Amino acid sequence: MSPGENDAASLQRALSGLVRTLGLLRPDTTPCGQPITVTEAHALGELHDRGPLTQRELAVALGLQKSTVSRLVDQLDERDLARRSPNPVDRRSVLVTLTENGTVRAGRLAHARQALFADLIERLDPSDRRTVIDGLTRLEEAARGRP
């Protein structure tokens, strides 16, 4: 195995282990222990942080296909977490907005997520924290195809 292949295998094992340890494979619970799917949690987070979005904007933000987001918004609507409404700027699209229940749930998720990551960073030696954050940031950029 070449050094590059060894590094790739090590990265794969590390990321797979992190995914499993954080519980990202559980279909109905977030890593911070909230009883909602990870995809729904990300959608609520985007809507909470950015305000109403078109389904297309939400699809881009989540990196999902428009048809997947349409089904996702259907699920959020059924659970009284988000609603579609006419887009006053573009009649061809709709806006997805959090309901009152969705806003409360998004706030709980944000708080739980913050607590999880505060606990994780606290477990690292202070001298390693910046290295881990910078490394993960560069890895995300590489995954997106950036230099």
Protein backbone atom coordinates (compact mmCIF):
# COMPACT_ATOMS: atom_id res chain seq x y z
CA MET A 1 0.00 0.00 0.00
CA SER A 2 1.42 3.41 -0.96
CA PRO A 3 1.65 6.21 1.62
CA GLY A 4 -1.29 8.01 -0.04
CA GLU A 5 -3.42 4.86 0.08
CA ASN A 6 -2.49 4.36 3.72
CA ASP A 7 -3.51 7.96 4.52
CA ALA A 8 -6.77 7.49 2.61
CA ALA A 9 -7.54 4.29 4.51
CA SER A 10 -6.72 6.00 7.82
CA LEU A 11 -8.97 8.94 6.95
CA GLN A 12 -11.79 6.58 5.97
CA ARG A 13 -11.50 4.66 9.24
CA ALA A 14 -11.39 7.87 11.28
CA LEU A 15 -14.42 9.40 9.57
CA SER A 16 -16.38 6.14 9.69
CA GLY A 17 -15.62 5.83 13.38
CA LEU A 18 -16.70 9.42 14.01
CA VAL A 19 -19.95 8.91 12.09
CA ARG A 20 -20.74 5.80 14.13
CA THR A 21 -19.67 7.33 17.45
CA LEU A 22 -21.81 10.42 16.90
CA GLY A 23 -24.77 8.24 15.99
CA LEU A 24 -25.19 9.64 12.49
CA LEU A 25 -26.41 6.25 11.29
CA ARG A 26 -29.44 6.31 13.59
CA PRO A 27 -32.44 7.21 11.45
CA ASP A 28 -34.56 8.99 14.05
CA THR A 29 -32.20 10.72 16.50
CA THR A 30 -29.65 13.47 16.10
CA PRO A 31 -26.11 13.14 17.50
CA CYS A 32 -27.14 15.51 20.29
CA GLY A 33 -29.93 13.11 21.30
CA GLN A 34 -32.94 14.94 19.89
CA PRO A 35 -35.79 12.74 18.57
CA ILE A 36 -35.74 13.96 14.97
CA THR A 37 -33.89 12.83 11.85
CA VAL A 38 -30.55 14.44 11.10
CA THR A 39 -31.92 15.75 7.78
CA GLU A 40 -34.93 17.35 9.46
CA ALA A 41 -32.64 18.86 12.09
CA HIS A 42 -30.42 20.40 9.42
CA ALA A 43 -33.46 21.81 7.62
CA LEU A 44 -34.81 23.33 10.83
CA GLY A 45 -31.38 24.80 11.54
CA GLU A 46 -31.15 26.44 8.12
CA LEU A 47 -34.65 27.88 8.39
CA HIS A 48 -33.99 29.07 11.94
CA ASP A 49 -30.68 30.71 11.04
CA ARG A 50 -31.63 32.17 7.65
CA GLY A 51 -35.37 32.72 7.88
CA PRO A 52 -37.86 31.67 5.20
CA LEU A 53 -36.27 30.00 2.17
CA THR A 54 -37.58 28.74 -1.13
CA GLN A 55 -37.46 24.99 -1.52
CA ARG A 56 -34.66 25.50 -4.07
CA GLU A 57 -32.63 27.58 -1.60
CA LEU A 58 -33.17 24.96 1.07
CA ALA A 59 -32.07 22.22 -1.35
CA VAL A 60 -28.84 24.10 -2.12
CA ALA A 61 -28.18 24.79 1.57
CA LEU A 62 -28.64 21.12 2.45
CA GLY A 63 -26.91 19.73 -0.64
CA LEU A 64 -30.01 17.72 -1.56
CA GLN A 65 -32.09 17.24 -4.71
CA LYS A 66 -35.21 19.38 -5.07
CA SER A 67 -37.45 16.29 -5.03
CA THR A 68 -35.88 15.13 -1.76
CA VAL A 69 -36.45 18.55 -0.21
CA SER A 70 -40.05 18.55 -1.40
CA ARG A 71 -40.63 15.29 0.51
CA LEU A 72 -38.70 16.66 3.48
CA VAL A 73 -40.89 19.78 3.61
CA ASP A 74 -43.95 17.53 3.39
CA GLN A 75 -42.69 15.69 6.49
CA LEU A 76 -41.96 18.94 8.34
CA ASP A 77 -45.43 20.20 7.46
CA GLU A 78 -47.08 16.98 8.67
CA ARG A 79 -45.22 17.36 11.98
CA ASP A 80 -46.22 21.05 12.30
CA LEU A 81 -42.58 22.18 12.11
CA ALA A 82 -42.69 24.17 8.85
CA ARG A 83 -45.20 25.50 6.34
CA ARG A 84 -45.18 26.41 2.69
CA SER A 85 -46.56 29.80 1.72
CA PRO A 86 -46.74 31.76 -1.53
CA ASN A 87 -43.54 33.60 -2.37
CA PRO A 88 -44.47 37.28 -2.73
CA VAL A 89 -41.40 37.89 -4.92
CA ASP A 90 -41.77 34.92 -7.30
CA ARG A 91 -45.16 33.32 -7.86
CA ARG A 92 -43.51 30.21 -9.34
CA SER A 93 -42.02 29.27 -5.98
CA VAL A 94 -43.09 28.89 -2.39
CA LEU A 95 -41.39 29.90 0.82
CA VAL A 96 -40.74 27.41 3.58
CA THR A 97 -41.17 28.98 7.01
CA LEU A 98 -40.87 27.54 10.49
CA THR A 99 -44.06 27.24 12.47
CA GLU A 100 -44.08 28.30 16.11
CA ASN A 101 -43.52 24.65 17.04
CA GLY A 102 -40.67 24.46 14.50
CA THR A 103 -39.03 27.56 15.96
CA VAL A 104 -39.14 26.09 19.46
CA ARG A 105 -37.79 22.76 18.19
CA ALA A 106 -35.02 24.47 16.21
CA GLY A 107 -34.00 26.41 19.33
CA ARG A 108 -33.82 23.18 21.34
CA LEU A 109 -31.77 21.55 18.62
CA ALA A 110 -29.36 24.50 18.47
CA HIS A 111 -28.92 24.40 22.24
CA ALA A 112 -28.34 20.62 22.28
CA ARG A 113 -25.92 20.86 19.34
CA GLN A 114 -23.97 23.63 21.06
CA ALA A 115 -23.75 21.55 24.25
CA LEU A 116 -22.53 18.49 22.31
CA PHE A 117 -19.78 20.38 20.51
CA ALA A 118 -18.77 22.28 23.65
CA ASP A 119 -18.35 18.92 25.38
CA LEU A 120 -16.37 17.48 22.47
CA ILE A 121 -14.00 20.45 22.23
CA GLU A 122 -13.54 20.44 26.00
CA ARG A 123 -12.35 16.83 25.80
CA LEU A 124 -9.50 17.84 23.50
CA ASP A 125 -6.22 19.13 24.82
CA PRO A 126 -6.30 22.93 24.37
CA SER A 127 -3.21 22.75 22.15
CA ASP A 128 -5.05 20.38 19.74
CA ARG A 129 -8.31 22.29 19.39
CA ARG A 130 -7.28 24.73 16.65
CA THR A 131 -5.54 21.92 14.73
CA VAL A 132 -8.70 19.78 14.77
CA ILE A 133 -10.95 22.67 13.73
CA ASP A 134 -8.59 23.80 10.96
CA GLY A 135 -8.15 20.24 9.72
CA LEU A 136 -11.88 19.59 9.55
CA THR A 137 -12.42 22.92 7.80
CA ARG A 138 -9.79 22.06 5.18
CA LEU A 139 -11.28 18.57 4.77
CA GLU A 140 -14.73 20.06 4.15
CA GLU A 141 -13.24 22.45 1.57
CA ALA A 142 -11.49 19.53 -0.16
CA ALA A 143 -14.76 17.59 -0.23
CA ARG A 144 -16.44 20.57 -1.89
CA GLY A 145 -13.69 20.67 -4.51
CA ARG A 146 -12.00 23.82 -3.28
CA PRO A 147 -8.23 24.30 -3.22
